[in-house]
C-alpha atoms as a PDB file:
ATOM      1  CA  MET A   1     -74.439-109.214 115.780  1.00  0.00           C
ATOM      2  CA  SER A   2     -75.999-105.813 115.127  1.00  0.00           C
ATOM      3  CA  ALA A   3     -77.371-103.778 118.002  1.00  0.00           C
ATOM      4  CA  GLY A   4     -80.100-102.197 115.886  1.00  0.00           C
ATOM      5  CA  PRO A   5     -81.204 -98.601 115.363  1.00  0.00           C
ATOM      6  CA  TYR A   6     -82.791 -98.118 118.790  1.00  0.00           C
ATOM      7  CA  VAL A   7     -79.732 -98.562 120.997  1.00  0.00           C
ATOM      8  CA  ARG A   8     -79.302 -95.861 123.629  1.00  0.00           C
ATOM      9  CA  SER A   9     -76.804 -95.300 126.401  1.00  0.00           C
ATOM     10  CA  CYS A  10     -78.083 -94.267 129.798  1.00  0.00           C
ATOM     11  CA  ILE A  11     -75.734 -92.871 132.445  1.00  0.00           C
ATOM     12  CA  ARG A  12     -76.652 -91.840 135.978  1.00  0.00           C
ATOM     13  CA  THR A  13     -74.259 -89.306 137.508  1.00  0.00           C
ATOM     14  CA  GLN A  14     -73.307 -89.089 141.181  1.00  0.00           C
ATOM     15  CA  ASP A  15     -75.865 -86.356 141.777  1.00  0.00           C
ATOM     16  CA  GLY A  16     -78.616 -88.546 140.258  1.00  0.00           C
ATOM     17  CA  THR A  17     -78.902 -86.809 136.893  1.00  0.00           C
ATOM     18  CA  VAL A  18     -79.664 -89.157 133.994  1.00  0.00           C
ATOM     19  CA  ILE A  19     -77.902 -88.618 130.667  1.00  0.00           C
ATOM     20  CA  LEU A  20     -79.473 -90.425 127.727  1.00  0.00           C
ATOM     21  CA  PHE A  21     -77.456 -90.663 124.507  1.00  0.00           C
ATOM     22  CA  GLU A  22     -78.634 -91.979 121.149  1.00  0.00           C
ATOM     23  CA  PRO A  23     -75.536 -92.850 119.071  1.00  0.00           C
ATOM     24  CA  MET A  24     -77.411 -93.216 115.775  1.00  0.00           C
ATOM     25  CA  THR A  25     -78.458 -89.553 115.811  1.00  0.00           C
ATOM     26  CA  GLY A  26     -75.741 -88.150 118.056  1.00  0.00           C
ATOM     27  CA  ARG A  27     -78.399 -86.604 120.301  1.00  0.00           C
ATOM     28  CA  ALA A  28     -78.216 -86.536 124.077  1.00  0.00           C
ATOM     29  CA  VAL A  29     -80.392 -85.164 126.864  1.00  0.00           C
ATOM     30  CA  SER A  30     -80.116 -84.881 130.608  1.00  0.00           C
ATOM     31  CA  ALA A  31     -82.925 -85.023 133.137  1.00  0.00           C
ATOM     32  CA  PRO A  32     -83.541 -85.747 136.812  1.00  0.00           C
ATOM     33  CA  ASP A  33     -84.841 -89.264 136.004  1.00  0.00           C
ATOM     34  CA  SER A  34     -84.929 -91.763 133.131  1.00  0.00           C
ATOM     35  CA  LYS A  35     -88.634 -91.282 132.365  1.00  0.00           C
ATOM     36  CA  THR A  36     -88.141 -87.539 131.849  1.00  0.00           C
ATOM     37  CA  ALA A  37     -84.973 -88.153 129.815  1.00  0.00           C
ATOM     38  CA  GLU A  38     -86.868 -90.547 127.509  1.00  0.00           C
ATOM     39  CA  ALA A  39     -89.621 -87.949 127.030  1.00  0.00           C
ATOM     40  CA  ARG A  40     -87.119 -85.195 126.281  1.00  0.00           C
ATOM     41  CA  LEU A  41     -85.279 -87.342 123.759  1.00  0.00           C
ATOM     42  CA  ALA A  42     -88.577 -88.260 122.076  1.00  0.00           C
ATOM     43  CA  ARG A  43     -89.501 -84.570 121.778  1.00  0.00           C
ATOM     44  CA  LEU A  44     -86.043 -83.720 120.485  1.00  0.00           C
ATOM     45  CA  THR A  45     -86.284 -86.481 117.884  1.00  0.00           C
ATOM     46  CA  ALA A  46     -89.696 -85.159 116.855  1.00  0.00           C
ATOM     47  CA  GLY A  47     -88.152 -81.727 116.286  1.00  0.00           C
ATOM     48  CA  HIS A  48     -89.628 -79.844 119.224  1.00  0.00           C
ATOM     49  CA  ALA A  49     -87.632 -77.427 121.332  1.00  0.00           C
ATOM     50  CA  ILE A  50     -86.354 -78.703 124.669  1.00  0.00           C
ATOM     51  CA  ARG A  51     -86.493 -76.434 127.697  1.00  0.00           C
ATOM     52  CA  PRO A  52     -83.400 -76.499 129.906  1.00  0.00           C
ATOM     53  CA  GLY A  53     -83.728 -77.863 133.406  1.00  0.00           C
END
């Protein structure tokens, strides 16, 4: 069974930071919440610069 191209891993650290990893592209972002992480990953995938923090 194939997981498909849109599989992502989401990890929440002890301090509450969310790390979102997309294995197909090897890209990862961190953010204070999952909604922000999804937005950052979308911008990164679209080729826009990501501001730290």
